[in-house]
Amino acid sequence: MESPKKKILLIDDNEIVRLMFSNVFWLHGLDDDYELVAITRIEEAEAILSDPATRPDIVFTGLVMPFTKNGKTETSAEAGFTLLKRIKDDPTTKSIRVIIFSSFDEAWYRDQVMALCAEMYLKKGESMPQDIIELLRSLNAS
């Protein structure tokens, strides 16, 4: 019997990033092992995470994204930090592996993400496609 594909949820408001992820999965045959769902907003992620049928095994998320706060749309790193904290504080989702990727390379951001129990912090850049492939292979081995 074939083992089920691992579910990956990608959350990023940048269409180029979403396309890059999809292409990396397709080009490297990762779509045989993973089911990738790409969305643009934190609110969409909340619905997916709260439903056991759609809950992912791994979440890749940007840090700075739009989110609704007090009825208004804001864009800040608070979106990524809040989502990560929500995932790791909830007993039903805390085992989900969360990888944050961001253009911020400052140690403060990395430290905050790791303090909130993310598995990894990836810097957006030219090596990101290869970093994703290596990361997924290492997660598969563990």
N, C-alpha and C. Protein backbone atom coordinates (compact mmCIF):
# COMPACT_ATOMS: atom_id res chain seq x y z
N MET A 1 0.83 -1.18 0.00
CA MET A 1 0.00 0.00 0.00
C MET A 1 0.88 1.25 0.00
N GLU A 2 0.54 2.19 -0.82
CA GLU A 2 1.30 3.42 -0.96
C GLU A 2 1.05 4.34 0.24
N SER A 3 2.15 4.90 0.79
CA SER A 3 1.97 5.80 1.93
C SER A 3 1.41 7.13 1.45
N PRO A 4 0.58 7.76 2.29
CA PRO A 4 -0.04 9.02 1.87
C PRO A 4 1.00 10.13 1.74
N LYS A 5 0.69 11.04 0.87
CA LYS A 5 1.57 12.19 0.69
C LYS A 5 1.52 13.07 1.92
N LYS A 6 2.67 13.64 2.28
CA LYS A 6 2.69 14.61 3.36
C LYS A 6 2.10 15.91 2.84
N LYS A 7 1.34 16.57 3.69
CA LYS A 7 0.69 17.82 3.30
C LYS A 7 1.58 19.00 3.69
N ILE A 8 1.79 19.89 2.72
CA ILE A 8 2.54 21.12 2.96
C ILE A 8 1.63 22.29 2.68
N LEU A 9 1.59 23.21 3.62
CA LEU A 9 0.86 24.45 3.45
C LEU A 9 1.87 25.56 3.28
N LEU A 10 1.77 26.25 2.17
CA LEU A 10 2.63 27.41 1.89
C LEU A 10 1.76 28.66 2.02
N ILE A 11 2.21 29.59 2.85
CA ILE A 11 1.47 30.84 3.03
C ILE A 11 2.40 31.97 2.66
N ASP A 12 2.08 32.65 1.58
CA ASP A 12 2.86 33.82 1.16
C ASP A 12 2.02 34.67 0.24
N ASP A 13 2.06 35.96 0.44
CA ASP A 13 1.26 36.86 -0.38
C ASP A 13 1.93 37.20 -1.70
N ASN A 14 3.15 36.74 -1.93
CA ASN A 14 3.88 37.02 -3.15
C ASN A 14 3.66 35.89 -4.16
N GLU A 15 3.03 36.24 -5.28
CA GLU A 15 2.72 35.23 -6.29
C GLU A 15 3.97 34.56 -6.86
N ILE A 16 5.05 35.32 -7.01
CA ILE A 16 6.30 34.76 -7.53
C ILE A 16 6.83 33.66 -6.60
N VAL A 17 6.76 33.89 -5.30
CA VAL A 17 7.21 32.88 -4.33
C VAL A 17 6.34 31.63 -4.43
N ARG A 18 5.03 31.82 -4.53
CA ARG A 18 4.14 30.66 -4.64
C ARG A 18 4.43 29.86 -5.91
N LEU A 19 4.66 30.55 -7.02
CA LEU A 19 5.00 29.86 -8.27
C LEU A 19 6.34 29.15 -8.18
N MET A 20 7.31 29.79 -7.54
CA MET A 20 8.63 29.19 -7.38
C MET A 20 8.51 27.88 -6.59
N PHE A 21 7.76 27.90 -5.49
CA PHE A 21 7.57 26.67 -4.71
C PHE A 21 6.95 25.58 -5.58
N SER A 22 5.88 25.91 -6.28
CA SER A 22 5.21 24.92 -7.13
C SER A 22 6.16 24.35 -8.16
N ASN A 23 6.95 25.21 -8.77
CA ASN A 23 7.90 24.76 -9.79
C ASN A 23 9.00 23.89 -9.20
N VAL A 24 9.50 24.26 -8.03
CA VAL A 24 10.53 23.44 -7.37
C VAL A 24 9.99 22.05 -7.11
N PHE A 25 8.76 21.96 -6.61
CA PHE A 25 8.15 20.66 -6.33
C PHE A 25 8.01 19.84 -7.60
N TRP A 26 7.52 20.46 -8.64
CA TRP A 26 7.31 19.75 -9.90
C TRP A 26 8.63 19.33 -10.54
N LEU A 27 9.59 20.26 -10.64
CA LEU A 27 10.86 19.98 -11.31
C LEU A 27 11.68 18.90 -10.62
N HIS A 28 11.57 18.81 -9.32
CA HIS A 28 12.38 17.86 -8.56
C HIS A 28 11.60 16.62 -8.12
N GLY A 29 10.42 16.44 -8.68
CA GLY A 29 9.64 15.25 -8.39
C GLY A 29 9.12 15.17 -6.97
N LEU A 30 9.12 16.29 -6.27
CA LEU A 30 8.65 16.28 -4.88
C LEU A 30 7.14 16.13 -4.79
N ASP A 31 6.45 16.40 -5.89
CA ASP A 31 4.99 16.28 -5.87
C ASP A 31 4.55 14.81 -5.79
N ASP A 32 5.51 13.87 -5.92
CA ASP A 32 5.19 12.46 -5.70
C ASP A 32 5.04 12.16 -4.20
N ASP A 33 5.76 12.92 -3.37
CA ASP A 33 5.76 12.67 -1.93
C ASP A 33 4.96 13.69 -1.12
N TYR A 34 4.71 14.84 -1.73
CA TYR A 34 4.07 15.94 -1.00
C TYR A 34 2.88 16.50 -1.76
N GLU A 35 1.89 16.90 -1.01
CA GLU A 35 0.74 17.62 -1.55
C GLU A 35 0.91 19.07 -1.09
N LEU A 36 1.13 19.96 -2.05
CA LEU A 36 1.38 21.37 -1.74
C LEU A 36 0.10 22.19 -1.95
N VAL A 37 -0.28 22.91 -0.92
CA VAL A 37 -1.39 23.85 -1.00
C VAL A 37 -0.79 25.24 -0.75
N ALA A 38 -0.97 26.15 -1.69
CA ALA A 38 -0.42 27.50 -1.57
C ALA A 38 -1.56 28.50 -1.41
N ILE A 39 -1.45 29.32 -0.36
CA ILE A 39 -2.47 30.33 -0.08
C ILE A 39 -1.80 31.68 0.19
N THR A 40 -2.62 32.72 0.26
CA THR A 40 -2.06 34.07 0.36
C THR A 40 -2.26 34.76 1.70
N ARG A 41 -3.19 34.27 2.52
CA ARG A 41 -3.55 35.03 3.73
C ARG A 41 -3.57 34.16 4.98
N ILE A 42 -3.27 34.79 6.09
CA ILE A 42 -3.29 34.14 7.39
C ILE A 42 -4.69 33.58 7.69
N GLU A 43 -5.71 34.32 7.34
CA GLU A 43 -7.08 33.87 7.62
C GLU A 43 -7.39 32.55 6.91
N GLU A 44 -6.88 32.36 5.71
CA GLU A 44 -7.05 31.09 5.00
C GLU A 44 -6.32 29.97 5.76
N ALA A 45 -5.15 30.28 6.28
CA ALA A 45 -4.37 29.29 7.02
C ALA A 45 -5.12 28.83 8.26
N GLU A 46 -5.76 29.76 8.95
CA GLU A 46 -6.51 29.42 10.16
C GLU A 46 -7.56 28.35 9.87
N ALA A 47 -8.28 28.50 8.76
CA ALA A 47 -9.32 27.53 8.40
C ALA A 47 -8.71 26.17 8.09
N ILE A 48 -7.62 26.15 7.38
CA ILE A 48 -6.95 24.89 7.01
C ILE A 48 -6.39 24.20 8.25
N LEU A 49 -5.78 24.97 9.14
CA LEU A 49 -5.18 24.41 10.35
C LEU A 49 -6.22 23.87 11.33
N SER A 50 -7.39 24.47 11.34
CA SER A 50 -8.40 24.05 12.31
C SER A 50 -9.17 22.80 11.88
N ASP A 51 -9.05 22.40 10.63
CA ASP A 51 -9.77 21.23 10.12
C ASP A 51 -8.81 20.03 10.04
N PRO A 52 -9.04 18.98 10.82
CA PRO A 52 -8.15 17.82 10.79
C PRO A 52 -7.99 17.20 9.39
N ALA A 53 -8.99 17.33 8.54
CA ALA A 53 -8.93 16.76 7.20
C ALA A 53 -7.96 17.52 6.29
N THR A 54 -7.75 18.80 6.56
CA THR A 54 -6.87 19.61 5.71
C THR A 54 -5.59 20.02 6.41
N ARG A 55 -5.45 19.69 7.68
CA ARG A 55 -4.30 20.11 8.48
C ARG A 55 -3.01 19.57 7.87
N PRO A 56 -2.03 20.45 7.67
CA PRO A 56 -0.78 20.02 7.04
C PRO A 56 0.19 19.38 8.03
N ASP A 57 1.20 18.72 7.47
CA ASP A 57 2.31 18.18 8.26
C ASP A 57 3.40 19.23 8.42
N ILE A 58 3.53 20.08 7.40
CA ILE A 58 4.59 21.09 7.35
C ILE A 58 3.97 22.41 6.87
N VAL A 59 4.39 23.50 7.49
CA VAL A 59 3.96 24.84 7.06
C VAL A 59 5.20 25.64 6.69
N PHE A 60 5.19 26.18 5.49
CA PHE A 60 6.17 27.18 5.07
C PHE A 60 5.43 28.50 5.06
N THR A 61 5.94 29.47 5.78
CA THR A 61 5.24 30.75 5.78
C THR A 61 6.21 31.91 5.77
N GLY A 62 5.82 32.94 5.06
CA GLY A 62 6.55 34.18 5.13
C GLY A 62 6.35 34.79 6.51
N LEU A 63 7.16 35.77 6.82
CA LEU A 63 7.05 36.43 8.11
C LEU A 63 6.17 37.67 8.00
N VAL A 64 6.46 38.50 7.03
CA VAL A 64 5.69 39.74 6.83
C VAL A 64 4.60 39.47 5.81
N MET A 65 3.35 39.53 6.28
CA MET A 65 2.20 39.27 5.42
C MET A 65 1.02 40.11 5.86
N PRO A 66 0.05 40.26 4.97
CA PRO A 66 -1.16 40.97 5.38
C PRO A 66 -2.02 40.10 6.30
N PHE A 67 -2.66 40.74 7.26
CA PHE A 67 -3.59 40.06 8.16
C PHE A 67 -4.58 41.10 8.66
N THR A 68 -5.69 40.60 9.16
CA THR A 68 -6.73 41.50 9.65
C THR A 68 -6.59 41.65 11.15
N LYS A 69 -6.52 42.90 11.59
CA LYS A 69 -6.41 43.21 13.01
C LYS A 69 -7.35 44.36 13.32
N ASN A 70 -8.25 44.13 14.26
CA ASN A 70 -9.24 45.15 14.64
C ASN A 70 -10.03 45.64 13.42
N GLY A 71 -10.36 44.71 12.51
CA GLY A 71 -11.16 45.04 11.35
C GLY A 71 -10.42 45.72 10.21
N LYS A 72 -9.11 45.90 10.36
CA LYS A 72 -8.32 46.55 9.32
C LYS A 72 -7.22 45.62 8.85
N THR A 73 -6.87 45.73 7.57
CA THR A 73 -5.78 44.92 7.04
C THR A 73 -4.45 45.64 7.29
N GLU A 74 -3.54 44.91 7.91
CA GLU A 74 -2.20 45.40 8.17
C GLU A 74 -1.20 44.44 7.55
N THR A 75 -0.01 44.91 7.29
CA THR A 75 1.06 44.05 6.81
C THR A 75 2.26 44.26 7.71
N SER A 76 2.64 43.19 8.42
CA SER A 76 3.80 43.29 9.30
C SER A 76 4.27 41.89 9.68
N ALA A 77 5.42 41.84 10.35
CA ALA A 77 5.96 40.56 10.83
C ALA A 77 5.09 39.98 11.93
N GLU A 78 4.24 40.79 12.52
CA GLU A 78 3.32 40.28 13.54
C GLU A 78 2.49 39.12 12.99
N ALA A 79 2.18 39.14 11.70
CA ALA A 79 1.39 38.07 11.08
C ALA A 79 2.10 36.73 11.23
N GLY A 80 3.36 36.66 10.85
CA GLY A 80 4.10 35.41 10.93
C GLY A 80 4.33 34.96 12.36
N PHE A 81 4.70 35.90 13.24
CA PHE A 81 4.92 35.56 14.65
C PHE A 81 3.64 35.03 15.29
N THR A 82 2.52 35.69 15.02
CA THR A 82 1.24 35.28 15.61
C THR A 82 0.83 33.90 15.12
N LEU A 83 0.97 33.65 13.82
CA LEU A 83 0.62 32.34 13.28
C LEU A 83 1.50 31.24 13.89
N LEU A 84 2.79 31.48 13.94
CA LEU A 84 3.71 30.49 14.52
C LEU A 84 3.35 30.20 15.97
N LYS A 85 3.10 31.23 16.75
CA LYS A 85 2.73 31.05 18.16
C LYS A 85 1.42 30.27 18.27
N ARG A 86 0.46 30.58 17.43
CA ARG A 86 -0.83 29.88 17.45
C ARG A 86 -0.65 28.40 17.16
N ILE A 87 0.17 28.07 16.16
CA ILE A 87 0.41 26.67 15.79
C ILE A 87 1.09 25.93 16.93
N LYS A 88 2.13 26.51 17.49
CA LYS A 88 2.93 25.82 18.49
C LYS A 88 2.28 25.79 19.88
N ASP A 89 1.34 26.69 20.15
CA ASP A 89 0.65 26.70 21.44
C ASP A 89 -0.57 25.77 21.48
N ASP A 90 -1.07 25.37 20.33
CA ASP A 90 -2.27 24.54 20.25
C ASP A 90 -1.88 23.06 20.27
N PRO A 91 -2.38 22.29 21.23
CA PRO A 91 -2.03 20.86 21.30
C PRO A 91 -2.36 20.08 20.03
N THR A 92 -3.36 20.51 19.28
CA THR A 92 -3.75 19.78 18.07
C THR A 92 -2.86 20.10 16.88
N THR A 93 -2.07 21.18 16.96
CA THR A 93 -1.24 21.56 15.82
C THR A 93 0.25 21.70 16.17
N LYS A 94 0.61 21.56 17.42
CA LYS A 94 2.00 21.84 17.82
C LYS A 94 3.03 20.91 17.18
N SER A 95 2.61 19.75 16.69
CA SER A 95 3.56 18.84 16.04
C SER A 95 3.83 19.21 14.58
N ILE A 96 3.09 20.17 14.05
CA ILE A 96 3.32 20.62 12.67
C ILE A 96 4.68 21.29 12.60
N ARG A 97 5.45 20.91 11.63
CA ARG A 97 6.77 21.53 11.43
C ARG A 97 6.56 22.85 10.71
N VAL A 98 7.11 23.92 11.29
CA VAL A 98 6.94 25.25 10.71
C VAL A 98 8.29 25.80 10.29
N ILE A 99 8.38 26.19 9.02
CA ILE A 99 9.58 26.80 8.48
C ILE A 99 9.21 28.22 8.08
N ILE A 100 9.88 29.18 8.68
CA ILE A 100 9.67 30.59 8.36
C ILE A 100 10.69 30.97 7.30
N PHE A 101 10.25 31.71 6.30
CA PHE A 101 11.20 32.25 5.32
C PHE A 101 10.93 33.73 5.17
N SER A 102 12.02 34.49 5.10
CA SER A 102 11.88 35.93 5.13
C SER A 102 13.07 36.60 4.46
N SER A 103 12.87 37.84 4.05
CA SER A 103 13.96 38.65 3.52
C SER A 103 14.79 39.25 4.64
N PHE A 104 14.23 39.26 5.85
CA PHE A 104 14.96 39.80 7.00
C PHE A 104 16.08 38.84 7.37
N ASP A 105 17.30 39.38 7.49
CA ASP A 105 18.44 38.55 7.84
C ASP A 105 18.99 38.92 9.22
N GLU A 106 18.28 39.79 9.94
CA GLU A 106 18.75 40.22 11.24
C GLU A 106 18.58 39.09 12.27
N ALA A 107 19.53 38.99 13.17
CA ALA A 107 19.52 37.95 14.19
C ALA A 107 18.27 38.03 15.06
N TRP A 108 17.77 39.23 15.31
CA TRP A 108 16.59 39.38 16.17
C TRP A 108 15.41 38.58 15.63
N TYR A 109 15.17 38.66 14.32
CA TYR A 109 14.05 37.91 13.72
C TYR A 109 14.27 36.41 13.87
N ARG A 110 15.47 35.95 13.56
CA ARG A 110 15.79 34.53 13.70
C ARG A 110 15.59 34.07 15.15
N ASP A 111 16.09 34.85 16.08
CA ASP A 111 15.98 34.50 17.50
C ASP A 111 14.52 34.40 17.93
N GLN A 112 13.69 35.34 17.51
CA GLN A 112 12.27 35.32 17.87
C GLN A 112 11.57 34.09 17.30
N VAL A 113 11.86 33.80 16.06
CA VAL A 113 11.24 32.64 15.39
C VAL A 113 11.64 31.34 16.09
N MET A 114 12.91 31.21 16.41
CA MET A 114 13.38 29.99 17.04
C MET A 114 12.85 29.89 18.48
N ALA A 115 12.71 31.02 19.17
CA ALA A 115 12.15 31.01 20.53
C ALA A 115 10.69 30.55 20.51
N LEU A 116 10.01 30.77 19.40
CA LEU A 116 8.62 30.34 19.26
C LEU A 116 8.52 28.91 18.70
N CYS A 117 9.66 28.23 18.61
CA CYS A 117 9.75 26.80 18.26
C CYS A 117 9.57 26.47 16.78
N ALA A 118 9.92 27.38 15.90
CA ALA A 118 9.95 27.03 14.47
C ALA A 118 11.07 26.02 14.25
N GLU A 119 10.91 25.19 13.24
CA GLU A 119 11.96 24.22 12.93
C GLU A 119 13.14 24.87 12.22
N MET A 120 12.86 25.92 11.46
CA MET A 120 13.93 26.55 10.69
C MET A 120 13.52 27.95 10.25
N TYR A 121 14.53 28.74 9.99
CA TYR A 121 14.35 30.09 9.45
C TYR A 121 15.19 30.15 8.18
N LEU A 122 14.53 30.28 7.03
CA LEU A 122 15.22 30.38 5.75
C LEU A 122 15.23 31.82 5.28
N LYS A 123 16.35 32.25 4.78
CA LYS A 123 16.47 33.58 4.20
C LYS A 123 16.05 33.50 2.75
N LYS A 124 15.12 34.38 2.34
CA LYS A 124 14.73 34.42 0.93
C LYS A 124 15.94 34.88 0.12
N GLY A 125 16.17 34.20 -0.98
CA GLY A 125 17.31 34.56 -1.82
C GLY A 125 17.47 33.56 -2.93
N GLU A 126 18.56 33.70 -3.66
CA GLU A 126 18.81 32.87 -4.82
C GLU A 126 18.93 31.39 -4.48
N SER A 127 19.45 31.07 -3.29
CA SER A 127 19.64 29.66 -2.94
C SER A 127 18.39 29.04 -2.34
N MET A 128 17.31 29.80 -2.20
CA MET A 128 16.13 29.29 -1.53
C MET A 128 15.56 28.01 -2.18
N PRO A 129 15.48 27.91 -3.50
CA PRO A 129 14.96 26.64 -4.07
C PRO A 129 15.77 25.43 -3.62
N GLN A 130 17.08 25.53 -3.65
CA GLN A 130 17.93 24.41 -3.22
C GLN A 130 17.78 24.18 -1.73
N ASP A 131 17.66 25.25 -0.95
CA ASP A 131 17.46 25.11 0.50
C ASP A 131 16.18 24.34 0.80
N ILE A 132 15.13 24.61 0.04
CA ILE A 132 13.84 23.92 0.24
C ILE A 132 14.00 22.43 -0.04
N ILE A 133 14.65 22.10 -1.12
CA ILE A 133 14.85 20.68 -1.49
C ILE A 133 15.65 19.96 -0.40
N GLU A 134 16.75 20.57 0.04
CA GLU A 134 17.57 19.94 1.07
C GLU A 134 16.81 19.81 2.38
N LEU A 135 16.04 20.81 2.73
CA LEU A 135 15.26 20.79 3.96
C LEU A 135 14.24 19.65 3.92
N LEU A 136 13.50 19.53 2.82
CA LEU A 136 12.50 18.48 2.72
C LEU A 136 13.14 17.10 2.77
N ARG A 137 14.28 16.94 2.14
CA ARG A 137 14.97 15.65 2.20
C ARG A 137 15.40 15.33 3.63
N SER A 138 15.87 16.34 4.36
CA SER A 138 16.28 16.10 5.75
C SER A 138 15.06 15.80 6.63
N LEU A 139 13.92 16.46 6.38
CA LEU A 139 12.72 16.18 7.16
C LEU A 139 12.20 14.78 6.88
N ASN A 140 12.34 14.33 5.64
CA ASN A 140 11.93 12.97 5.28
C ASN A 140 12.77 11.92 5.97
N ALA A 141 14.06 12.23 6.17
CA ALA A 141 14.98 11.29 6.80
C ALA A 141 14.74 11.19 8.31
N SER A 142 14.17 12.25 8.88
CA SER A 142 13.99 12.23 10.35
C SER A 142 12.62 11.74 10.75
